[in-house]
């Protein structure tokens, strides 16, 4: 029966620790932007164009 009390104390302690970590992360702004990450994959990446010309044998002819 004493094992149940020990496990109960450990589980309550763990729950309090996780709750405090959650509160700290909310205060630090970890969960401020919940909208942008969900739609980021819908935007297309812009193509990067390089100004360098590649000289090959076909271009020289």
Foldseek 3Di string as FASTA:
>chain_A
DVVVVVVVVVVVVVVVVVVVVVVVCVVVPVPVDPDCVVCVVVDDDDDDDDPDDDDDPVVVD
